[in-house]
Amino acid sequence: MRYITPRKAAVGMGASGTGTADHWFLTVTAVALTILTPLFMIIVAKAIGLPREGVVAYFGRPIPAVITALFIIVGMLHFIRGTRIMIEDYLDHGARKAAIIFSVVFSWAVIAFAVYALARMGLGALVLV
């Protein structure tokens, strides 16, 4: 007995209908992260050892702030989709729903706090100037 209709096989979608979209999303975000991760590491390495005012001024500049924000946002979106796939594979019913909700809320909280902190540093850099 076939579980995939001929149309779904032709379109490339499995039983859930999202496998191909998930795969492409994770592939694109993984490629983006291979570019953003070394840039983010260089930015953080340059900020290590600076006093508080220096860190605020450094991340108040556009390039370090934008690269940091992109790294956090793309990384967390990649995390949301990847953990959702793993949770759907290994957990059942109530535990599945709770784990997915927790991972999504956690990820969006990390994004919100990081962008808020970068915005505060950007505004703090204006005050220091």
N, C-alpha and C. Protein backbone atom coordinates (compact mmCIF):
# COMPACT_ATOMS: atom_id res chain seq x y z
N MET A 1 0.84 -1.18 0.00
CA MET A 1 0.00 0.00 0.00
C MET A 1 0.88 1.24 0.00
N ARG A 2 0.63 2.13 -0.95
CA ARG A 2 1.41 3.37 -1.04
C ARG A 2 0.81 4.42 -0.13
N TYR A 3 1.68 5.11 0.60
CA TYR A 3 1.24 6.20 1.46
C TYR A 3 1.38 7.55 0.78
N ILE A 4 2.10 7.58 -0.31
CA ILE A 4 2.31 8.83 -1.04
C ILE A 4 1.54 8.73 -2.35
N THR A 5 0.71 9.72 -2.62
CA THR A 5 -0.03 9.73 -3.87
C THR A 5 0.93 10.07 -5.01
N PRO A 6 0.61 9.70 -6.23
CA PRO A 6 1.49 10.04 -7.35
C PRO A 6 1.72 11.55 -7.48
N ARG A 7 0.71 12.35 -7.17
CA ARG A 7 0.88 13.80 -7.25
C ARG A 7 1.90 14.29 -6.23
N LYS A 8 1.81 13.78 -5.00
CA LYS A 8 2.76 14.19 -3.97
C LYS A 8 4.17 13.73 -4.31
N ALA A 9 4.30 12.56 -4.90
CA ALA A 9 5.61 12.08 -5.31
C ALA A 9 6.19 12.97 -6.41
N ALA A 10 5.32 13.43 -7.31
CA ALA A 10 5.78 14.30 -8.39
C ALA A 10 6.17 15.67 -7.87
N VAL A 11 5.43 16.17 -6.89
CA VAL A 11 5.72 17.49 -6.32
C VAL A 11 6.93 17.41 -5.39
N GLY A 12 7.17 16.22 -4.84
CA GLY A 12 8.33 16.06 -3.96
C GLY A 12 7.99 16.23 -2.50
N MET A 13 6.71 16.11 -2.15
CA MET A 13 6.30 16.26 -0.76
C MET A 13 5.97 14.88 -0.19
N GLY A 14 6.39 14.65 1.03
CA GLY A 14 6.12 13.38 1.69
C GLY A 14 4.75 13.37 2.34
N ALA A 15 4.59 12.50 3.32
CA ALA A 15 3.30 12.32 3.98
C ALA A 15 2.87 13.58 4.73
N SER A 16 3.80 14.29 5.36
CA SER A 16 3.42 15.47 6.13
C SER A 16 3.23 16.69 5.24
N GLY A 17 3.81 16.68 4.06
CA GLY A 17 3.66 17.79 3.14
C GLY A 17 4.63 18.93 3.36
N THR A 18 5.52 18.82 4.38
CA THR A 18 6.44 19.93 4.64
C THR A 18 7.91 19.51 4.58
N GLY A 19 8.19 18.27 4.27
CA GLY A 19 9.56 17.78 4.30
C GLY A 19 10.49 18.54 3.37
N THR A 20 10.06 18.77 2.15
CA THR A 20 10.90 19.47 1.19
C THR A 20 11.12 20.93 1.60
N ALA A 21 10.05 21.57 2.05
CA ALA A 21 10.17 22.97 2.50
C ALA A 21 11.09 23.06 3.71
N ASP A 22 10.96 22.15 4.66
CA ASP A 22 11.85 22.15 5.82
C ASP A 22 13.30 21.94 5.40
N HIS A 23 13.52 21.00 4.48
CA HIS A 23 14.88 20.72 4.03
C HIS A 23 15.50 21.96 3.37
N TRP A 24 14.77 22.62 2.49
CA TRP A 24 15.31 23.80 1.82
C TRP A 24 15.54 24.95 2.79
N PHE A 25 14.61 25.14 3.73
CA PHE A 25 14.78 26.20 4.72
C PHE A 25 16.04 25.95 5.54
N LEU A 26 16.22 24.73 6.01
CA LEU A 26 17.40 24.41 6.81
C LEU A 26 18.68 24.50 5.99
N THR A 27 18.61 24.15 4.72
CA THR A 27 19.79 24.26 3.86
C THR A 27 20.19 25.72 3.65
N VAL A 28 19.21 26.56 3.37
CA VAL A 28 19.50 27.98 3.14
C VAL A 28 20.02 28.65 4.40
N THR A 29 19.38 28.36 5.55
CA THR A 29 19.86 28.98 6.79
C THR A 29 21.23 28.43 7.19
N ALA A 30 21.50 27.17 6.88
CA ALA A 30 22.83 26.62 7.18
C ALA A 30 23.91 27.30 6.35
N VAL A 31 23.62 27.56 5.09
CA VAL A 31 24.58 28.27 4.25
C VAL A 31 24.79 29.70 4.76
N ALA A 32 23.69 30.35 5.14
CA ALA A 32 23.80 31.70 5.70
C ALA A 32 24.63 31.69 6.98
N LEU A 33 24.44 30.67 7.81
CA LEU A 33 25.20 30.58 9.05
C LEU A 33 26.67 30.27 8.82
N THR A 34 27.01 29.57 7.73
CA THR A 34 28.43 29.33 7.45
C THR A 34 29.14 30.63 7.09
N ILE A 35 28.40 31.59 6.58
CA ILE A 35 28.98 32.90 6.28
C ILE A 35 28.96 33.79 7.52
N LEU A 36 27.85 33.78 8.25
CA LEU A 36 27.69 34.67 9.39
C LEU A 36 28.51 34.26 10.61
N THR A 37 28.72 32.97 10.81
CA THR A 37 29.43 32.52 12.02
C THR A 37 30.86 33.04 12.10
N PRO A 38 31.69 32.93 11.05
CA PRO A 38 33.04 33.50 11.17
C PRO A 38 33.02 35.03 11.35
N LEU A 39 32.09 35.69 10.67
CA LEU A 39 32.00 37.14 10.84
C LEU A 39 31.62 37.50 12.27
N PHE A 40 30.66 36.78 12.84
CA PHE A 40 30.25 37.01 14.23
C PHE A 40 31.39 36.74 15.19
N MET A 41 32.15 35.67 14.94
CA MET A 41 33.27 35.35 15.82
C MET A 41 34.35 36.42 15.78
N ILE A 42 34.60 36.98 14.61
CA ILE A 42 35.58 38.07 14.48
C ILE A 42 35.10 39.30 15.23
N ILE A 43 33.81 39.60 15.09
CA ILE A 43 33.25 40.77 15.78
C ILE A 43 33.35 40.61 17.29
N VAL A 44 32.99 39.44 17.80
CA VAL A 44 33.06 39.21 19.24
C VAL A 44 34.51 39.22 19.72
N ALA A 45 35.42 38.66 18.92
CA ALA A 45 36.83 38.65 19.30
C ALA A 45 37.38 40.06 19.43
N LYS A 46 36.94 40.96 18.56
CA LYS A 46 37.40 42.34 18.64
C LYS A 46 36.83 43.07 19.85
N ALA A 47 35.67 42.62 20.33
CA ALA A 47 35.03 43.28 21.47
C ALA A 47 35.54 42.76 22.81
N ILE A 48 36.21 41.60 22.81
CA ILE A 48 36.71 41.03 24.06
C ILE A 48 37.80 41.92 24.63
N GLY A 49 37.69 42.21 25.91
CA GLY A 49 38.69 43.02 26.59
C GLY A 49 38.39 44.50 26.60
N LEU A 50 37.39 44.94 25.86
CA LEU A 50 37.03 46.35 25.87
C LEU A 50 36.26 46.68 27.15
N PRO A 51 36.41 47.90 27.65
CA PRO A 51 35.58 48.29 28.79
C PRO A 51 34.11 48.41 28.35
N ARG A 52 33.21 48.55 29.31
CA ARG A 52 31.78 48.60 29.00
C ARG A 52 31.45 49.68 27.98
N GLU A 53 32.01 50.86 28.13
CA GLU A 53 31.75 51.95 27.19
C GLU A 53 32.26 51.60 25.80
N GLY A 54 33.39 50.91 25.73
CA GLY A 54 33.94 50.49 24.45
C GLY A 54 33.06 49.47 23.75
N VAL A 55 32.50 48.53 24.53
CA VAL A 55 31.60 47.53 23.95
C VAL A 55 30.33 48.19 23.44
N VAL A 56 29.78 49.11 24.22
CA VAL A 56 28.57 49.83 23.80
C VAL A 56 28.85 50.62 22.53
N ALA A 57 29.98 51.29 22.47
CA ALA A 57 30.32 52.06 21.28
C ALA A 57 30.59 51.15 20.08
N TYR A 58 31.23 50.00 20.33
CA TYR A 58 31.55 49.07 19.24
C TYR A 58 30.28 48.47 18.63
N PHE A 59 29.37 47.99 19.47
CA PHE A 59 28.13 47.42 18.96
C PHE A 59 27.11 48.48 18.59
N GLY A 60 27.40 49.73 18.88
CA GLY A 60 26.56 50.84 18.42
C GLY A 60 26.82 51.18 16.96
N ARG A 61 27.95 50.69 16.43
CA ARG A 61 28.24 50.89 15.00
C ARG A 61 27.37 49.95 14.18
N PRO A 62 27.03 50.34 12.95
CA PRO A 62 26.07 49.54 12.18
C PRO A 62 26.55 48.14 11.79
N ILE A 63 27.77 47.99 11.33
CA ILE A 63 28.22 46.69 10.82
C ILE A 63 28.24 45.63 11.92
N PRO A 64 28.88 45.86 13.07
CA PRO A 64 28.84 44.83 14.11
C PRO A 64 27.42 44.53 14.60
N ALA A 65 26.59 45.55 14.71
CA ALA A 65 25.23 45.35 15.20
C ALA A 65 24.39 44.55 14.19
N VAL A 66 24.51 44.86 12.92
CA VAL A 66 23.72 44.15 11.90
C VAL A 66 24.18 42.71 11.78
N ILE A 67 25.48 42.47 11.77
CA ILE A 67 25.97 41.09 11.65
C ILE A 67 25.57 40.28 12.88
N THR A 68 25.65 40.88 14.06
CA THR A 68 25.23 40.18 15.28
C THR A 68 23.74 39.88 15.24
N ALA A 69 22.92 40.85 14.84
CA ALA A 69 21.47 40.63 14.76
C ALA A 69 21.13 39.56 13.74
N LEU A 70 21.77 39.60 12.58
CA LEU A 70 21.51 38.57 11.56
C LEU A 70 21.91 37.19 12.05
N PHE A 71 23.05 37.10 12.74
CA PHE A 71 23.51 35.81 13.25
C PHE A 71 22.51 35.25 14.26
N ILE A 72 22.05 36.09 15.17
CA ILE A 72 21.10 35.63 16.19
C ILE A 72 19.77 35.24 15.54
N ILE A 73 19.25 36.06 14.65
CA ILE A 73 17.94 35.79 14.05
C ILE A 73 17.98 34.55 13.17
N VAL A 74 18.96 34.48 12.28
CA VAL A 74 19.04 33.31 11.39
C VAL A 74 19.32 32.05 12.20
N GLY A 75 20.20 32.15 13.18
CA GLY A 75 20.51 30.99 14.02
C GLY A 75 19.31 30.49 14.79
N MET A 76 18.53 31.39 15.34
CA MET A 76 17.36 30.98 16.11
C MET A 76 16.25 30.44 15.21
N LEU A 77 16.08 31.00 14.03
CA LEU A 77 15.09 30.45 13.10
C LEU A 77 15.50 29.04 12.65
N HIS A 78 16.78 28.84 12.44
CA HIS A 78 17.30 27.52 12.11
C HIS A 78 17.06 26.56 13.29
N PHE A 79 17.28 27.04 14.49
CA PHE A 79 17.06 26.25 15.70
C PHE A 79 15.59 25.86 15.84
N ILE A 80 14.67 26.80 15.60
CA ILE A 80 13.24 26.52 15.71
C ILE A 80 12.86 25.38 14.77
N ARG A 81 13.23 25.49 13.51
CA ARG A 81 12.83 24.48 12.53
C ARG A 81 13.50 23.14 12.82
N GLY A 82 14.78 23.15 13.17
CA GLY A 82 15.48 21.91 13.46
C GLY A 82 14.95 21.20 14.69
N THR A 83 14.70 21.94 15.76
CA THR A 83 14.17 21.30 16.97
C THR A 83 12.75 20.81 16.75
N ARG A 84 11.98 21.52 15.96
CA ARG A 84 10.62 21.06 15.69
C ARG A 84 10.64 19.71 14.97
N ILE A 85 11.53 19.56 14.01
CA ILE A 85 11.63 18.29 13.29
C ILE A 85 12.05 17.17 14.24
N MET A 86 13.04 17.43 15.09
CA MET A 86 13.49 16.41 16.03
C MET A 86 12.39 16.07 17.04
N ILE A 87 11.71 17.08 17.55
CA ILE A 87 10.65 16.84 18.52
C ILE A 87 9.52 16.02 17.90
N GLU A 88 9.14 16.35 16.66
CA GLU A 88 8.08 15.60 16.00
C GLU A 88 8.48 14.15 15.77
N ASP A 89 9.77 13.89 15.59
CA ASP A 89 10.24 12.53 15.35
C ASP A 89 10.27 11.69 16.63
N TYR A 90 10.56 12.30 17.78
CA TYR A 90 10.85 11.52 18.97
C TYR A 90 9.85 11.65 20.11
N LEU A 91 8.96 12.61 20.10
CA LEU A 91 7.99 12.77 21.19
C LEU A 91 6.58 12.56 20.67
N ASP A 92 5.69 12.20 21.59
CA ASP A 92 4.30 11.95 21.22
C ASP A 92 3.35 12.87 21.99
N HIS A 93 2.26 13.22 21.36
CA HIS A 93 1.08 13.88 21.91
C HIS A 93 1.39 15.11 22.75
N GLY A 94 1.04 15.07 24.04
CA GLY A 94 1.16 16.24 24.89
C GLY A 94 2.59 16.72 25.06
N ALA A 95 3.51 15.77 25.21
CA ALA A 95 4.92 16.14 25.35
C ALA A 95 5.43 16.82 24.09
N ARG A 96 4.96 16.37 22.94
CA ARG A 96 5.36 16.98 21.67
C ARG A 96 4.91 18.43 21.61
N LYS A 97 3.65 18.68 21.93
CA LYS A 97 3.12 20.05 21.87
C LYS A 97 3.85 20.95 22.86
N ALA A 98 4.05 20.47 24.08
CA ALA A 98 4.73 21.28 25.09
C ALA A 98 6.16 21.60 24.68
N ALA A 99 6.87 20.62 24.15
CA ALA A 99 8.26 20.83 23.75
C ALA A 99 8.36 21.80 22.58
N ILE A 100 7.45 21.69 21.61
CA ILE A 100 7.47 22.61 20.47
C ILE A 100 7.16 24.03 20.94
N ILE A 101 6.16 24.17 21.80
CA ILE A 101 5.82 25.51 22.31
C ILE A 101 7.00 26.09 23.07
N PHE A 102 7.63 25.28 23.93
CA PHE A 102 8.77 25.77 24.69
C PHE A 102 9.91 26.21 23.78
N SER A 103 10.24 25.39 22.78
CA SER A 103 11.38 25.74 21.91
C SER A 103 11.09 27.00 21.09
N VAL A 104 9.85 27.17 20.63
CA VAL A 104 9.51 28.36 19.85
C VAL A 104 9.53 29.61 20.74
N VAL A 105 8.94 29.51 21.93
CA VAL A 105 8.91 30.67 22.84
C VAL A 105 10.33 31.03 23.27
N PHE A 106 11.13 30.02 23.58
CA PHE A 106 12.52 30.27 23.97
C PHE A 106 13.29 30.97 22.85
N SER A 107 13.14 30.48 21.64
CA SER A 107 13.88 31.05 20.50
C SER A 107 13.48 32.49 20.23
N TRP A 108 12.18 32.76 20.23
CA TRP A 108 11.73 34.14 19.98
C TRP A 108 12.12 35.06 21.13
N ALA A 109 12.19 34.53 22.36
CA ALA A 109 12.67 35.34 23.49
C ALA A 109 14.13 35.71 23.30
N VAL A 110 14.95 34.75 22.85
CA VAL A 110 16.37 35.03 22.60
C VAL A 110 16.50 36.10 21.52
N ILE A 111 15.72 35.98 20.45
CA ILE A 111 15.76 36.98 19.38
C ILE A 111 15.36 38.35 19.92
N ALA A 112 14.28 38.40 20.68
CA ALA A 112 13.78 39.68 21.20
C ALA A 112 14.80 40.33 22.13
N PHE A 113 15.37 39.55 23.05
CA PHE A 113 16.34 40.11 23.99
C PHE A 113 17.61 40.58 23.27
N ALA A 114 18.06 39.82 22.29
CA ALA A 114 19.29 40.19 21.58
C ALA A 114 19.08 41.46 20.76
N VAL A 115 17.97 41.55 20.05
CA VAL A 115 17.71 42.75 19.25
C VAL A 115 17.49 43.96 20.17
N TYR A 116 16.81 43.75 21.30
CA TYR A 116 16.61 44.83 22.26
C TYR A 116 17.96 45.31 22.81
N ALA A 117 18.84 44.37 23.16
CA ALA A 117 20.15 44.75 23.68
C ALA A 117 20.97 45.51 22.63
N LEU A 118 20.90 45.06 21.39
CA LEU A 118 21.63 45.76 20.33
C LEU A 118 21.06 47.16 20.11
N ALA A 119 19.75 47.28 20.18
CA ALA A 119 19.13 48.61 20.03
C ALA A 119 19.53 49.52 21.18
N ARG A 120 19.55 48.98 22.39
CA ARG A 120 19.97 49.79 23.54
C ARG A 120 21.43 50.23 23.40
N MET A 121 22.28 49.32 22.91
CA MET A 121 23.68 49.69 22.72
C MET A 121 23.80 50.75 21.63
N GLY A 122 22.98 50.63 20.58
CA GLY A 122 23.01 51.64 19.53
C GLY A 122 22.59 53.00 20.05
N LEU A 123 21.56 53.01 20.89
CA LEU A 123 21.12 54.28 21.48
C LEU A 123 22.13 54.77 22.51
N GLY A 124 22.77 53.83 23.23
CA GLY A 124 23.79 54.21 24.20
C GLY A 124 25.01 54.80 23.51
N ALA A 125 25.32 54.33 22.34
CA ALA A 125 26.45 54.87 21.59
C ALA A 125 26.15 56.30 21.16
N LEU A 126 24.90 56.62 20.90
CA LEU A 126 24.54 57.99 20.55
C LEU A 126 24.73 58.92 21.74
N VAL A 127 24.44 58.41 22.93
CA VAL A 127 24.59 59.23 24.13
C VAL A 127 26.07 59.45 24.43
N LEU A 128 26.91 58.42 24.17
CA LEU A 128 28.34 58.54 24.47
C LEU A 128 29.06 59.52 23.53
N VAL A 129 28.49 59.72 22.34
CA VAL A 129 29.16 60.57 21.35
C VAL A 129 29.05 62.02 21.70
